[in-house]
Amino acid sequence: MRVATGEKIWQKYLPSKNSQDYWSARRYLEEFLTPRVDLALQMREQHETDLTQVSPLFQESMLVKIAAKEPKYNQQTLIAEVVALLLAGTDTTAHTLSFAVAELSLNQRVFQQAQVVVDSAWNQGGINLETLKELTYIRAIIKETLRLYSVASGSTPLEATRDLMIADKLIPRGTKVSWSMLAAGRDQIVYPQSEEFLPERWLDKSTQSPLPMIDFGSGSHRCLGEHLSMMESTVMLALLLRHFDWELVNARSSVEKLQQNLLIYPSDKMPVRFQHRK
């Protein structure tokens, strides 16, 4: 992540606090992952997928499935793959849910409507494959959160393969082009009332074309985890809405005083006060 924000790769070897934090985090991840990776590789080599000493949950895990299907993986490459999946599939979802919780606290109309939707689904048997289809409003909240608080604050640069015109400006061939995901999500032309938190905009059927969801990319490089991410976020937010009410300890300042590196994040770490629903 630090390399992506412009830091040279050799800087992690300097005796700085950043470097100490980097190596400490790396050691922690490797110590946690190594025995699990070794077990997955052992199961692959022994062609065993039902070892009695291994829990059924681990036997069905993505780690075991990846190791079994790809014989080229060794300990080092499999750990690297798992770390990538942890960062891309966990941190991103937690980031989005944090800002969704914040915006619901600041928009009581949306908060109350969301709880009505979740309670209705819950009364039909809880959150399952059938009732998940009825949580379109919750998915709209996730989309609106991503629009305002994109996980990646900037885009991956693209290179123009030919001369082209953008907004009457000539972009010569070979030029690297990048843009701000945060600014794009607040474009008044594309998203009217762009500063308002309006999940309903994603449910409006009157528009000629659907609103663009830019956060997962587009084309052949669109994020493979998009649908899993949306499902995880929808289910998790629905569970929070079912069981809790909450408020931001520092109110709106938590979403106004933001810092930015590769991600945006609240300066006050966004403390939240939860209360169990009766």
C-alpha atoms as a PDB file:
ATOM      1  CA  MET A   1       0.000   0.000   0.000  1.00  0.00           C
ATOM      2  CA  ARG A   2       2.804   2.409   0.852  1.00  0.00           C
ATOM      3  CA  VAL A   3       4.494   1.714  -2.483  1.00  0.00           C
ATOM      4  CA  ALA A   4       1.196   2.477  -4.217  1.00  0.00           C
ATOM      5  CA  THR A   5       1.134   5.901  -2.562  1.00  0.00           C
ATOM      6  CA  GLY A   6       4.538   6.779  -3.984  1.00  0.00           C
ATOM      7  CA  GLU A   7       7.055   5.436  -1.458  1.00  0.00           C
ATOM      8  CA  LYS A   8      10.088   3.764  -3.001  1.00  0.00           C
ATOM      9  CA  ILE A   9      10.289   0.050  -2.324  1.00  0.00           C
ATOM     10  CA  TRP A  10      13.778   0.318  -0.797  1.00  0.00           C
ATOM     11  CA  GLN A  11      12.528   2.734   1.898  1.00  0.00           C
ATOM     12  CA  LYS A  12      11.101  -0.150   3.919  1.00  0.00           C
ATOM     13  CA  TYR A  13      14.693  -1.077   4.788  1.00  0.00           C
ATOM     14  CA  LEU A  14      15.446   2.284   6.422  1.00  0.00           C
ATOM     15  CA  PRO A  15      15.492   2.490  10.264  1.00  0.00           C
ATOM     16  CA  SER A  16      12.312   4.582  10.405  1.00  0.00           C
ATOM     17  CA  LYS A  17       9.065   4.079  12.317  1.00  0.00           C
ATOM     18  CA  ASN A  18       7.278   3.280   9.055  1.00  0.00           C
ATOM     19  CA  SER A  19       9.782   0.519   8.362  1.00  0.00           C
ATOM     20  CA  GLN A  20       9.496  -0.866  11.880  1.00  0.00           C
ATOM     21  CA  ASP A  21       5.700  -0.929  11.542  1.00  0.00           C
ATOM     22  CA  TYR A  22       5.998  -2.611   8.145  1.00  0.00           C
ATOM     23  CA  TRP A  23       8.256  -5.427   9.331  1.00  0.00           C
ATOM     24  CA  SER A  24       6.241  -5.895  12.530  1.00  0.00           C
ATOM     25  CA  ALA A  25       3.008  -6.261  10.533  1.00  0.00           C
ATOM     26  CA  ARG A  26       4.689  -8.584   8.059  1.00  0.00           C
ATOM     27  CA  ARG A  27       6.052 -10.826  10.836  1.00  0.00           C
ATOM     28  CA  TYR A  28       2.643 -10.955  12.492  1.00  0.00           C
ATOM     29  CA  LEU A  29       0.911 -12.006   9.268  1.00  0.00           C
ATOM     30  CA  GLU A  30       3.532 -14.605   8.408  1.00  0.00           C
ATOM     31  CA  GLU A  31       3.500 -16.113  11.914  1.00  0.00           C
ATOM     32  CA  PHE A  32      -0.288 -16.329  11.747  1.00  0.00           C
ATOM     33  CA  LEU A  33      -0.495 -17.702   8.204  1.00  0.00           C
ATOM     34  CA  THR A  34       2.506 -20.058   7.982  1.00  0.00           C
ATOM     35  CA  PRO A  35       1.126 -23.024   9.996  1.00  0.00           C
ATOM     36  CA  ARG A  36      -2.203 -22.784   8.160  1.00  0.00           C
ATOM     37  CA  VAL A  37      -0.527 -22.584   4.761  1.00  0.00           C
ATOM     38  CA  ASP A  38       1.721 -25.533   5.656  1.00  0.00           C
ATOM     39  CA  LEU A  39      -1.327 -27.574   6.641  1.00  0.00           C
ATOM     40  CA  ALA A  40      -3.077 -26.752   3.353  1.00  0.00           C
ATOM     41  CA  LEU A  41       0.041 -27.772   1.407  1.00  0.00           C
ATOM     42  CA  GLN A  42       0.323 -30.971   3.456  1.00  0.00           C
ATOM     43  CA  MET A  43      -3.276 -31.845   2.608  1.00  0.00           C
ATOM     44  CA  ARG A  44      -2.503 -31.276  -1.063  1.00  0.00           C
ATOM     45  CA  GLU A  45       0.630 -33.424  -1.053  1.00  0.00           C
ATOM     46  CA  GLN A  46      -1.075 -36.267   0.813  1.00  0.00           C
ATOM     47  CA  HIS A  47      -4.230 -35.937  -1.295  1.00  0.00           C
ATOM     48  CA  GLU A  48      -6.154 -35.693   1.940  1.00  0.00           C
ATOM     49  CA  THR A  49      -9.184 -33.413   2.244  1.00  0.00           C
ATOM     50  CA  ASP A  50     -10.882 -35.050   5.219  1.00  0.00           C
ATOM     51  CA  LEU A  51      -8.214 -35.309   7.901  1.00  0.00           C
ATOM     52  CA  THR A  52      -9.899 -35.976  11.221  1.00  0.00           C
ATOM     53  CA  GLN A  53      -7.701 -33.496  13.097  1.00  0.00           C
ATOM     54  CA  VAL A  54      -8.666 -30.683  10.718  1.00  0.00           C
ATOM     55  CA  SER A  55     -11.914 -28.817  11.237  1.00  0.00           C
ATOM     56  CA  PRO A  56     -14.559 -29.075   8.488  1.00  0.00           C
ATOM     57  CA  LEU A  57     -14.505 -25.279   8.183  1.00  0.00           C
ATOM     58  CA  PHE A  58     -10.794 -25.289   7.345  1.00  0.00           C
ATOM     59  CA  GLN A  59     -11.223 -28.181   4.915  1.00  0.00           C
ATOM     60  CA  GLU A  60     -13.744 -26.090   2.979  1.00  0.00           C
ATOM     61  CA  SER A  61     -11.720 -22.882   3.160  1.00  0.00           C
ATOM     62  CA  MET A  62     -10.504 -20.934   0.148  1.00  0.00           C
ATOM     63  CA  LEU A  63      -6.918 -21.538   1.285  1.00  0.00           C
ATOM     64  CA  VAL A  64      -7.297 -25.320   0.932  1.00  0.00           C
ATOM     65  CA  LYS A  65      -9.161 -24.988  -2.365  1.00  0.00           C
ATOM     66  CA  ILE A  66      -6.481 -22.742  -3.878  1.00  0.00           C
ATOM     67  CA  ALA A  67      -3.619 -24.974  -2.729  1.00  0.00           C
ATOM     68  CA  ALA A  68      -5.341 -28.107  -4.049  1.00  0.00           C
ATOM     69  CA  LYS A  69      -6.133 -26.688  -7.484  1.00  0.00           C
ATOM     70  CA  GLU A  70      -2.804 -25.007  -8.198  1.00  0.00           C
ATOM     71  CA  PRO A  71       0.239 -27.300  -7.810  1.00  0.00           C
ATOM     72  CA  LYS A  72       2.651 -24.444  -8.562  1.00  0.00           C
ATOM     73  CA  TYR A  73       1.979 -22.790  -5.214  1.00  0.00           C
ATOM     74  CA  ASN A  74       4.633 -23.136  -2.530  1.00  0.00           C
ATOM     75  CA  GLN A  75       4.693 -21.679   0.966  1.00  0.00           C
ATOM     76  CA  GLN A  76       6.037 -18.288  -0.076  1.00  0.00           C
ATOM     77  CA  THR A  77       3.724 -17.693  -3.025  1.00  0.00           C
ATOM     78  CA  LEU A  78       0.673 -18.989  -1.189  1.00  0.00           C
ATOM     79  CA  ILE A  79       1.298 -16.672   1.762  1.00  0.00           C
ATOM     80  CA  ALA A  80       1.613 -13.754  -0.659  1.00  0.00           C
ATOM     81  CA  GLU A  81      -1.664 -14.741  -2.301  1.00  0.00           C
ATOM     82  CA  VAL A  82      -3.465 -14.996   1.031  1.00  0.00           C
ATOM     83  CA  VAL A  83      -2.166 -11.592   2.171  1.00  0.00           C
ATOM     84  CA  ALA A  84      -3.483 -10.060  -1.065  1.00  0.00           C
ATOM     85  CA  LEU A  85      -6.880 -11.670  -0.509  1.00  0.00           C
ATOM     86  CA  LEU A  86      -6.967 -10.458   3.106  1.00  0.00           C
ATOM     87  CA  LEU A  87      -6.239  -6.877   2.096  1.00  0.00           C
ATOM     88  CA  ALA A  88      -8.534  -6.829  -0.925  1.00  0.00           C
ATOM     89  CA  GLY A  89     -11.367  -8.857   0.556  1.00  0.00           C
ATOM     90  CA  THR A  90     -11.438  -7.772   4.196  1.00  0.00           C
ATOM     91  CA  ASP A  91     -10.053  -4.277   4.679  1.00  0.00           C
ATOM     92  CA  THR A  92     -12.090  -2.878   1.788  1.00  0.00           C
ATOM     93  CA  THR A  93     -15.393  -4.241   3.085  1.00  0.00           C
ATOM     94  CA  ALA A  94     -14.684  -3.029   6.631  1.00  0.00           C
ATOM     95  CA  HIS A  95     -13.829   0.421   5.246  1.00  0.00           C
ATOM     96  CA  THR A  96     -17.160   0.656   3.403  1.00  0.00           C
ATOM     97  CA  LEU A  97     -19.198  -0.625   6.351  1.00  0.00           C
ATOM     98  CA  SER A  98     -17.580   1.941   8.665  1.00  0.00           C
ATOM     99  CA  PHE A  99     -18.694   4.838   6.498  1.00  0.00           C
ATOM    100  CA  ALA A 100     -22.140   3.258   5.964  1.00  0.00           C
ATOM    101  CA  VAL A 101     -22.590   3.123   9.744  1.00  0.00           C
ATOM    102  CA  ALA A 102     -21.536   6.788   9.941  1.00  0.00           C
ATOM    103  CA  GLU A 103     -23.922   8.002   7.241  1.00  0.00           C
ATOM    104  CA  LEU A 104     -26.864   6.102   8.719  1.00  0.00           C
ATOM    105  CA  SER A 105     -26.201   7.749  12.064  1.00  0.00           C
ATOM    106  CA  LEU A 106     -26.274  11.152  10.359  1.00  0.00           C
ATOM    107  CA  ASN A 107     -29.371  10.406   8.255  1.00  0.00           C
ATOM    108  CA  GLN A 108     -32.117   9.173  10.532  1.00  0.00           C
ATOM    109  CA  ARG A 109     -34.718   8.936   7.743  1.00  0.00           C
ATOM    110  CA  VAL A 110     -32.527   6.446   5.879  1.00  0.00           C
ATOM    111  CA  PHE A 111     -31.620   4.679   9.122  1.00  0.00           C
ATOM    112  CA  GLN A 112     -35.253   4.100  10.074  1.00  0.00           C
ATOM    113  CA  GLN A 113     -36.260   3.004   6.577  1.00  0.00           C
ATOM    114  CA  ALA A 114     -33.352   0.543   6.481  1.00  0.00           C
ATOM    115  CA  GLN A 115     -34.421  -1.009   9.792  1.00  0.00           C
ATOM    116  CA  VAL A 116     -37.993  -1.401   8.509  1.00  0.00           C
ATOM    117  CA  VAL A 117     -36.675  -3.249   5.431  1.00  0.00           C
ATOM    118  CA  VAL A 118     -34.437  -5.529   7.498  1.00  0.00           C
ATOM    119  CA  ASP A 119     -37.142  -6.245  10.095  1.00  0.00           C
ATOM    120  CA  SER A 120     -39.536  -7.233   7.304  1.00  0.00           C
ATOM    121  CA  ALA A 121     -37.002  -9.677   5.864  1.00  0.00           C
ATOM    122  CA  TRP A 122     -36.196 -11.010   9.339  1.00  0.00           C
ATOM    123  CA  ASN A 123     -39.841 -11.740  10.056  1.00  0.00           C
ATOM    124  CA  GLN A 124     -39.895 -13.960   6.964  1.00  0.00           C
ATOM    125  CA  GLY A 125     -37.242 -16.276   8.336  1.00  0.00           C
ATOM    126  CA  GLY A 126     -34.109 -14.199   8.887  1.00  0.00           C
ATOM    127  CA  ILE A 127     -31.430 -13.249   6.372  1.00  0.00           C
ATOM    128  CA  ASN A 128     -31.145 -16.069   3.839  1.00  0.00           C
ATOM    129  CA  LEU A 129     -30.900 -16.547   0.078  1.00  0.00           C
ATOM    130  CA  GLU A 130     -34.583 -15.749  -0.384  1.00  0.00           C
ATOM    131  CA  THR A 131     -34.898 -12.697   1.852  1.00  0.00           C
ATOM    132  CA  LEU A 132     -31.554 -11.374   0.608  1.00  0.00           C
ATOM    133  CA  LYS A 133     -33.364 -10.520  -2.649  1.00  0.00           C
ATOM    134  CA  GLU A 134     -35.592  -8.128  -0.731  1.00  0.00           C
ATOM    135  CA  LEU A 135     -32.694  -6.103   0.686  1.00  0.00           C
ATOM    136  CA  THR A 136     -32.340  -3.883  -2.397  1.00  0.00           C
ATOM    137  CA  TYR A 137     -32.528  -0.779  -0.187  1.00  0.00           C
ATOM    138  CA  ILE A 138     -29.610  -2.039   1.925  1.00  0.00           C
ATOM    139  CA  ARG A 139     -27.572  -2.666  -1.243  1.00  0.00           C
ATOM    140  CA  ALA A 140     -28.435   0.861  -2.345  1.00  0.00           C
ATOM    141  CA  ILE A 141     -27.017   2.167   0.949  1.00  0.00           C
ATOM    142  CA  ILE A 142     -23.763   0.313   0.258  1.00  0.00           C
ATOM    143  CA  LYS A 143     -23.600   1.748  -3.279  1.00  0.00           C
ATOM    144  CA  GLU A 144     -24.269   5.265  -2.004  1.00  0.00           C
ATOM    145  CA  THR A 145     -21.541   4.832   0.616  1.00  0.00           C
ATOM    146  CA  LEU A 146     -19.069   3.714  -2.048  1.00  0.00           C
ATOM    147  CA  ARG A 147     -19.998   6.708  -4.181  1.00  0.00           C
ATOM    148  CA  LEU A 148     -19.184   9.174  -1.398  1.00  0.00           C
ATOM    149  CA  TYR A 149     -16.304   7.305   0.248  1.00  0.00           C
ATOM    150  CA  SER A 150     -14.595   5.277  -2.424  1.00  0.00           C
ATOM    151  CA  VAL A 151     -12.246   2.651  -0.978  1.00  0.00           C
ATOM    152  CA  ALA A 152      -9.553   3.646  -3.490  1.00  0.00           C
ATOM    153  CA  SER A 153      -9.321   7.434  -3.472  1.00  0.00           C
ATOM    154  CA  GLY A 154      -7.472   7.486  -6.804  1.00  0.00           C
ATOM    155  CA  SER A 155      -7.454   5.393  -9.952  1.00  0.00           C
ATOM    156  CA  THR A 156      -4.778   3.170 -11.464  1.00  0.00           C
ATOM    157  CA  PRO A 157      -3.148   5.257 -14.233  1.00  0.00           C
ATOM    158  CA  LEU A 158      -4.018   4.295 -17.803  1.00  0.00           C
ATOM    159  CA  GLU A 159      -1.894   5.024 -20.856  1.00  0.00           C
ATOM    160  CA  ALA A 160      -3.382   6.549 -23.988  1.00  0.00           C
ATOM    161  CA  THR A 161      -2.646   4.236 -26.931  1.00  0.00           C
ATOM    162  CA  ARG A 162      -3.513   6.960 -29.452  1.00  0.00           C
ATOM    163  CA  ASP A 163      -4.104  10.709 -29.574  1.00  0.00           C
ATOM    164  CA  LEU A 164      -7.555  11.527 -28.233  1.00  0.00           C
ATOM    165  CA  MET A 165      -9.651  14.474 -27.146  1.00  0.00           C
ATOM    166  CA  ILE A 166     -11.147  14.760 -23.648  1.00  0.00           C
ATOM    167  CA  ALA A 167     -13.217  17.881 -22.891  1.00  0.00           C
ATOM    168  CA  ASP A 168     -11.629  19.682 -25.870  1.00  0.00           C
ATOM    169  CA  LYS A 169      -8.136  18.891 -24.583  1.00  0.00           C
ATOM    170  CA  LEU A 170      -5.691  16.900 -26.685  1.00  0.00           C
ATOM    171  CA  ILE A 171      -4.271  13.894 -24.852  1.00  0.00           C
ATOM    172  CA  PRO A 172      -1.200  12.756 -26.818  1.00  0.00           C
ATOM    173  CA  ARG A 173      -0.461   9.102 -27.299  1.00  0.00           C
ATOM    174  CA  GLY A 174       1.625   7.673 -24.446  1.00  0.00           C
ATOM    175  CA  THR A 175       0.214  10.065 -21.833  1.00  0.00           C
ATOM    176  CA  LYS A 176      -0.553   8.527 -18.431  1.00  0.00           C
ATOM    177  CA  VAL A 177      -4.134   9.374 -17.421  1.00  0.00           C
ATOM    178  CA  SER A 178      -5.502   9.068 -13.889  1.00  0.00           C
ATOM    179  CA  TRP A 179      -8.439  10.582 -12.033  1.00  0.00           C
ATOM    180  CA  SER A 180      -9.850  11.052  -8.555  1.00  0.00           C
ATOM    181  CA  MET A 181     -12.401   8.408  -7.607  1.00  0.00           C
ATOM    182  CA  LEU A 182     -13.633  10.648  -4.788  1.00  0.00           C
ATOM    183  CA  ALA A 183     -14.221  13.586  -7.130  1.00  0.00           C
ATOM    184  CA  ALA A 184     -15.900  11.381  -9.739  1.00  0.00           C
ATOM    185  CA  GLY A 185     -18.353  10.079  -7.168  1.00  0.00           C
ATOM    186  CA  ARG A 186     -19.400  13.648  -6.330  1.00  0.00           C
ATOM    187  CA  ASP A 187     -19.870  14.844  -9.900  1.00  0.00           C
ATOM    188  CA  GLN A 188     -23.048  16.942  -9.886  1.00  0.00           C
ATOM    189  CA  ILE A 189     -23.785  16.177 -13.545  1.00  0.00           C
ATOM    190  CA  VAL A 190     -23.767  12.412 -13.047  1.00  0.00           C
ATOM    191  CA  TYR A 191     -25.118  12.361  -9.492  1.00  0.00           C
ATOM    192  CA  PRO A 192     -27.561  15.249  -8.813  1.00  0.00           C
ATOM    193  CA  GLN A 193     -27.486  16.470  -5.182  1.00  0.00           C
ATOM    194  CA  SER A 194     -24.152  14.707  -5.017  1.00  0.00           C
ATOM    195  CA  GLU A 195     -23.351  15.861  -1.472  1.00  0.00           C
ATOM    196  CA  GLU A 196     -26.549  14.315  -0.121  1.00  0.00           C
ATOM    197  CA  PHE A 197     -26.757  10.720   1.101  1.00  0.00           C
ATOM    198  CA  LEU A 198     -29.616   9.423  -1.083  1.00  0.00           C
ATOM    199  CA  PRO A 199     -29.683   5.617  -1.502  1.00  0.00           C
ATOM    200  CA  GLU A 200     -32.919   6.010  -3.484  1.00  0.00           C
ATOM    201  CA  ARG A 201     -30.942   7.271  -6.467  1.00  0.00           C
ATOM    202  CA  TRP A 202     -29.804   3.669  -7.078  1.00  0.00           C
ATOM    203  CA  LEU A 203     -33.392   2.426  -7.128  1.00  0.00           C
ATOM    204  CA  ASP A 204     -34.773   5.037  -9.522  1.00  0.00           C
ATOM    205  CA  LYS A 205     -36.123   3.211 -12.595  1.00  0.00           C
ATOM    206  CA  SER A 206     -37.079   6.400 -14.437  1.00  0.00           C
ATOM    207  CA  THR A 207     -33.575   7.157 -15.683  1.00  0.00           C
ATOM    208  CA  GLN A 208     -32.677   6.049 -19.209  1.00  0.00           C
ATOM    209  CA  SER A 209     -29.454   4.354 -18.116  1.00  0.00           C
ATOM    210  CA  PRO A 210     -28.322   3.055 -14.703  1.00  0.00           C
ATOM    211  CA  LEU A 211     -25.939   5.146 -12.624  1.00  0.00           C
ATOM    212  CA  PRO A 212     -22.281   4.178 -13.077  1.00  0.00           C
ATOM    213  CA  MET A 213     -20.683   2.188 -10.273  1.00  0.00           C
ATOM    214  CA  ILE A 214     -17.034   3.143 -10.730  1.00  0.00           C
ATOM    215  CA  ASP A 215     -15.600   1.694  -7.531  1.00  0.00           C
ATOM    216  CA  PHE A 216     -15.106  -1.829  -8.894  1.00  0.00           C
ATOM    217  CA  GLY A 217     -13.532  -0.703 -12.166  1.00  0.00           C
ATOM    218  CA  SER A 218     -14.867  -1.613 -15.596  1.00  0.00           C
ATOM    219  CA  GLY A 219     -14.295  -3.768 -18.628  1.00  0.00           C
ATOM    220  CA  SER A 220     -12.068  -6.829 -18.580  1.00  0.00           C
ATOM    221  CA  HIS A 221     -10.305  -5.620 -15.416  1.00  0.00           C
ATOM    222  CA  ARG A 222     -13.459  -5.143 -13.329  1.00  0.00           C
ATOM    223  CA  CYS A 223     -13.008  -6.439  -9.783  1.00  0.00           C
ATOM    224  CA  LEU A 224     -13.585 -10.186  -9.514  1.00  0.00           C
ATOM    225  CA  GLY A 225     -14.766  -9.791  -5.942  1.00  0.00           C
ATOM    226  CA  GLU A 226     -17.520  -7.249  -6.675  1.00  0.00           C
ATOM    227  CA  HIS A 227     -20.504  -9.534  -6.108  1.00  0.00           C
ATOM    228  CA  LEU A 228     -18.991 -11.205  -3.040  1.00  0.00           C
ATOM    229  CA  SER A 229     -18.170  -7.796  -1.579  1.00  0.00           C
ATOM    230  CA  MET A 230     -21.697  -6.497  -2.137  1.00  0.00           C
ATOM    231  CA  MET A 231     -23.199  -9.614  -0.564  1.00  0.00           C
ATOM    232  CA  GLU A 232     -20.882  -9.487   2.465  1.00  0.00           C
ATOM    233  CA  SER A 233     -21.552  -5.790   3.031  1.00  0.00           C
ATOM    234  CA  THR A 234     -25.310  -6.177   2.619  1.00  0.00           C
ATOM    235  CA  VAL A 235     -25.561  -9.096   5.048  1.00  0.00           C
ATOM    236  CA  MET A 236     -23.290  -7.500   7.649  1.00  0.00           C
ATOM    237  CA  LEU A 237     -25.080  -4.141   7.543  1.00  0.00           C
ATOM    238  CA  ALA A 238     -28.451  -5.916   7.729  1.00  0.00           C
ATOM    239  CA  LEU A 239     -27.344  -7.767  10.880  1.00  0.00           C
ATOM    240  CA  LEU A 240     -26.162  -4.526  12.477  1.00  0.00           C
ATOM    241  CA  LEU A 241     -29.463  -2.830  11.620  1.00  0.00           C
ATOM    242  CA  ARG A 242     -31.450  -5.745  13.052  1.00  0.00           C
ATOM    243  CA  HIS A 243     -29.680  -5.851  16.396  1.00  0.00           C
ATOM    244  CA  PHE A 244     -28.441  -2.309  17.103  1.00  0.00           C
ATOM    245  CA  ASP A 245     -29.121   1.399  17.118  1.00  0.00           C
ATOM    246  CA  TRP A 246     -26.061   3.641  17.114  1.00  0.00           C
ATOM    247  CA  GLU A 247     -24.713   7.159  16.977  1.00  0.00           C
ATOM    248  CA  LEU A 248     -21.382   8.776  16.169  1.00  0.00           C
ATOM    249  CA  VAL A 249     -19.654  10.012  19.320  1.00  0.00           C
ATOM    250  CA  ASN A 250     -18.204  13.023  17.481  1.00  0.00           C
ATOM    251  CA  ALA A 251     -21.168  13.515  15.159  1.00  0.00           C
ATOM    252  CA  ARG A 252     -20.503  14.845  11.648  1.00  0.00           C
ATOM    253  CA  SER A 253     -16.873  15.765  12.293  1.00  0.00           C
ATOM    254  CA  SER A 254     -15.956  12.072  11.921  1.00  0.00           C
ATOM    255  CA  VAL A 255     -16.792  12.193   8.196  1.00  0.00           C
ATOM    256  CA  GLU A 256     -15.643  15.759   7.618  1.00  0.00           C
ATOM    257  CA  LYS A 257     -12.169  15.602   9.132  1.00  0.00           C
ATOM    258  CA  LEU A 258     -10.606  12.937   6.936  1.00  0.00           C
ATOM    259  CA  GLN A 259      -7.032  11.995   6.164  1.00  0.00           C
ATOM    260  CA  GLN A 260      -5.856  10.310   2.997  1.00  0.00           C
ATOM    261  CA  ASN A 261      -3.105   7.996   1.846  1.00  0.00           C
ATOM    262  CA  LEU A 262      -4.091   5.110  -0.392  1.00  0.00           C
ATOM    263  CA  LEU A 263      -7.451   5.185   1.467  1.00  0.00           C
ATOM    264  CA  ILE A 264      -9.407   7.920   3.192  1.00  0.00           C
ATOM    265  CA  TYR A 265      -9.953   7.523   6.896  1.00  0.00           C
ATOM    266  CA  PRO A 266     -11.350   9.630   9.777  1.00  0.00           C
ATOM    267  CA  SER A 267      -8.856  11.539  11.886  1.00  0.00           C
ATOM    268  CA  ASP A 268     -10.709  10.615  15.088  1.00  0.00           C
ATOM    269  CA  LYS A 269     -10.936   6.887  14.156  1.00  0.00           C
ATOM    270  CA  MET A 270     -14.743   7.327  14.079  1.00  0.00           C
ATOM    271  CA  PRO A 271     -15.853   6.222  17.578  1.00  0.00           C
ATOM    272  CA  VAL A 272     -19.417   4.846  17.576  1.00  0.00           C
ATOM    273  CA  ARG A 273     -21.786   4.284  20.501  1.00  0.00           C
ATOM    274  CA  PHE A 274     -23.955   1.178  19.984  1.00  0.00           C
ATOM    275  CA  GLN A 275     -27.148   0.296  21.845  1.00  0.00           C
ATOM    276  CA  HIS A 276     -28.875  -3.067  21.577  1.00  0.00           C
ATOM    277  CA  ARG A 277     -32.351  -2.794  20.068  1.00  0.00           C
ATOM    278  CA  LYS A 278     -35.212  -3.893  22.300  1.00  0.00           C
END
